[in-house]
Amino acid sequence: MNKASLWSGVLSAVQNGSAEEVKKLACPKCGAGLSLKYDPLSPQPDATTAGLLKINCWSCVAGVFMDGLTHTPPWIEILGPTVETRPDTSPG
């Protein structure tokens, strides 16, 4: 499985998910919590700014970046630009 498909569920959730959904996200590699940091003013190659979202795992240090976002994810208004997720680790 390539990196993009491994992270596709997380990427979809951070772009369009609710605050509750985002707070429960887990690293797709190891299942640990994630650190999310959003910067609405990331410099772009054309001298404009756009959103940048950094997603990193607390445990295995895996992660992805999303740059050039044209809209602010909806959960930012509720959770703020920096979030530490707490995935449910209770047995199924």
C-alpha atoms as a PDB file:
ATOM      1  CA  MET A   1       0.000   0.000   0.000  1.00  0.00           C
ATOM      2  CA  ASN A   2       1.380   3.413  -0.921  1.00  0.00           C
ATOM      3  CA  LYS A   3       1.583   6.336   1.490  1.00  0.00           C
ATOM      4  CA  ALA A   4      -1.255   8.291  -0.127  1.00  0.00           C
ATOM      5  CA  SER A   5      -3.767   5.465   0.196  1.00  0.00           C
ATOM      6  CA  LEU A   6      -2.587   4.664   3.737  1.00  0.00           C
ATOM      7  CA  TRP A   7      -3.407   8.221   4.820  1.00  0.00           C
ATOM      8  CA  SER A   8      -6.516   8.756   2.624  1.00  0.00           C
ATOM      9  CA  GLY A   9      -9.037   8.345   5.490  1.00  0.00           C
ATOM     10  CA  VAL A  10      -7.132  10.781   7.700  1.00  0.00           C
ATOM     11  CA  LEU A  11      -6.754  13.295   4.863  1.00  0.00           C
ATOM     12  CA  SER A  12     -10.467  13.140   4.067  1.00  0.00           C
ATOM     13  CA  ALA A  13     -11.409  13.600   7.733  1.00  0.00           C
ATOM     14  CA  VAL A  14      -9.101  16.584   8.321  1.00  0.00           C
ATOM     15  CA  GLN A  15     -10.415  18.370   5.235  1.00  0.00           C
ATOM     16  CA  ASN A  16     -14.126  17.844   5.783  1.00  0.00           C
ATOM     17  CA  GLY A  17     -14.749  16.032   9.072  1.00  0.00           C
ATOM     18  CA  SER A  18     -16.512  17.243  12.174  1.00  0.00           C
ATOM     19  CA  ALA A  19     -14.645  18.248  15.321  1.00  0.00           C
ATOM     20  CA  GLU A  20     -15.712  14.978  16.991  1.00  0.00           C
ATOM     21  CA  GLU A  21     -14.440  12.902  14.064  1.00  0.00           C
ATOM     22  CA  VAL A  22     -11.110  14.735  13.986  1.00  0.00           C
ATOM     23  CA  LYS A  23     -10.561  14.382  17.757  1.00  0.00           C
ATOM     24  CA  LYS A  24     -10.734  10.577  17.386  1.00  0.00           C
ATOM     25  CA  LEU A  25      -8.283  10.224  14.485  1.00  0.00           C
ATOM     26  CA  ALA A  26      -5.437   7.737  14.841  1.00  0.00           C
ATOM     27  CA  CYS A  27      -2.201   7.179  12.956  1.00  0.00           C
ATOM     28  CA  PRO A  28      -2.912   4.728  10.134  1.00  0.00           C
ATOM     29  CA  LYS A  29       0.505   3.119  10.681  1.00  0.00           C
ATOM     30  CA  CYS A  30       0.549   2.511  14.438  1.00  0.00           C
ATOM     31  CA  GLY A  31      -2.812   3.617  15.881  1.00  0.00           C
ATOM     32  CA  ALA A  32      -1.418   6.343  18.174  1.00  0.00           C
ATOM     33  CA  GLY A  33      -2.765   9.894  18.429  1.00  0.00           C
ATOM     34  CA  LEU A  34      -1.946  12.585  15.912  1.00  0.00           C
ATOM     35  CA  SER A  35      -0.757  16.166  16.175  1.00  0.00           C
ATOM     36  CA  LEU A  36      -2.577  18.507  13.766  1.00  0.00           C
ATOM     37  CA  LYS A  37      -1.315  22.032  13.102  1.00  0.00           C
ATOM     38  CA  TYR A  38      -3.018  24.406  10.684  1.00  0.00           C
ATOM     39  CA  ASP A  39      -1.412  27.564   9.295  1.00  0.00           C
ATOM     40  CA  PRO A  40      -3.783  29.648   7.140  1.00  0.00           C
ATOM     41  CA  LEU A  41      -0.963  31.830   5.768  1.00  0.00           C
ATOM     42  CA  SER A  42       1.511  29.374   4.235  1.00  0.00           C
ATOM     43  CA  PRO A  43       3.530  31.078   1.462  1.00  0.00           C
ATOM     44  CA  GLN A  44       2.820  29.705  -2.005  1.00  0.00           C
ATOM     45  CA  PRO A  45       5.031  29.738  -5.131  1.00  0.00           C
ATOM     46  CA  ASP A  46       2.890  32.457  -6.751  1.00  0.00           C
ATOM     47  CA  ALA A  47       3.524  34.854  -3.796  1.00  0.00           C
ATOM     48  CA  THR A  48       0.035  34.336  -2.346  1.00  0.00           C
ATOM     49  CA  THR A  49      -0.828  32.460   0.847  1.00  0.00           C
ATOM     50  CA  ALA A  50      -2.995  29.385   1.438  1.00  0.00           C
ATOM     51  CA  GLY A  51      -3.648  26.880   4.173  1.00  0.00           C
ATOM     52  CA  LEU A  52      -1.068  24.349   5.338  1.00  0.00           C
ATOM     53  CA  LEU A  53      -1.982  21.400   7.529  1.00  0.00           C
ATOM     54  CA  LYS A  54       0.755  19.350   9.214  1.00  0.00           C
ATOM     55  CA  ILE A  55      -0.272  15.914  10.492  1.00  0.00           C
ATOM     56  CA  ASN A  56       2.237  13.978  12.603  1.00  0.00           C
ATOM     57  CA  CYS A  57       2.037  10.854  14.758  1.00  0.00           C
ATOM     58  CA  TRP A  58       3.003  11.120  18.436  1.00  0.00           C
ATOM     59  CA  SER A  59       4.517   7.658  18.465  1.00  0.00           C
ATOM     60  CA  CYS A  60       6.020   6.506  15.180  1.00  0.00           C
ATOM     61  CA  VAL A  61       6.698  10.019  13.795  1.00  0.00           C
ATOM     62  CA  ALA A  62       4.884   9.243  10.529  1.00  0.00           C
ATOM     63  CA  GLY A  63       2.996  12.092   8.971  1.00  0.00           C
ATOM     64  CA  VAL A  64       1.844  14.061   5.970  1.00  0.00           C
ATOM     65  CA  PHE A  65       1.526  17.701   4.946  1.00  0.00           C
ATOM     66  CA  MET A  66      -1.314  19.284   3.003  1.00  0.00           C
ATOM     67  CA  ASP A  67      -0.328  22.617   1.454  1.00  0.00           C
ATOM     68  CA  GLY A  68      -2.277  25.017  -0.730  1.00  0.00           C
ATOM     69  CA  LEU A  69      -5.622  24.490   1.018  1.00  0.00           C
ATOM     70  CA  THR A  70      -8.171  26.961  -0.333  1.00  0.00           C
ATOM     71  CA  HIS A  71     -10.641  26.584   2.531  1.00  0.00           C
ATOM     72  CA  THR A  72     -10.253  26.327   6.285  1.00  0.00           C
ATOM     73  CA  PRO A  73     -11.304  22.897   7.593  1.00  0.00           C
ATOM     74  CA  PRO A  74     -14.613  23.148   9.499  1.00  0.00           C
ATOM     75  CA  TRP A  75     -13.239  21.769  12.792  1.00  0.00           C
ATOM     76  CA  ILE A  76     -10.762  24.656  13.158  1.00  0.00           C
ATOM     77  CA  GLU A  77     -13.538  26.972  14.384  1.00  0.00           C
ATOM     78  CA  ILE A  78     -14.310  24.601  17.286  1.00  0.00           C
ATOM     79  CA  LEU A  79     -10.951  22.989  18.099  1.00  0.00           C
ATOM     80  CA  GLY A  80      -8.536  25.724  17.034  1.00  0.00           C
ATOM     81  CA  PRO A  81      -5.491  25.453  14.751  1.00  0.00           C
ATOM     82  CA  THR A  82      -3.520  23.018  16.958  1.00  0.00           C
ATOM     83  CA  VAL A  83      -5.065  19.693  17.994  1.00  0.00           C
ATOM     84  CA  GLU A  84      -3.796  16.541  19.671  1.00  0.00           C
ATOM     85  CA  THR A  85      -6.111  13.649  18.806  1.00  0.00           C
ATOM     86  CA  ARG A  86      -7.153  10.963  21.284  1.00  0.00           C
ATOM     87  CA  PRO A  87      -8.126   7.812  19.393  1.00  0.00           C
ATOM     88  CA  ASP A  88     -10.349   5.306  21.161  1.00  0.00           C
ATOM     89  CA  THR A  89      -8.017   2.478  22.107  1.00  0.00           C
ATOM     90  CA  SER A  90     -10.520   0.439  24.082  1.00  0.00           C
ATOM     91  CA  PRO A  91     -10.910  -3.182  22.930  1.00  0.00           C
ATOM     92  CA  GLY A  92     -13.509  -3.708  20.224  1.00  0.00           C
END
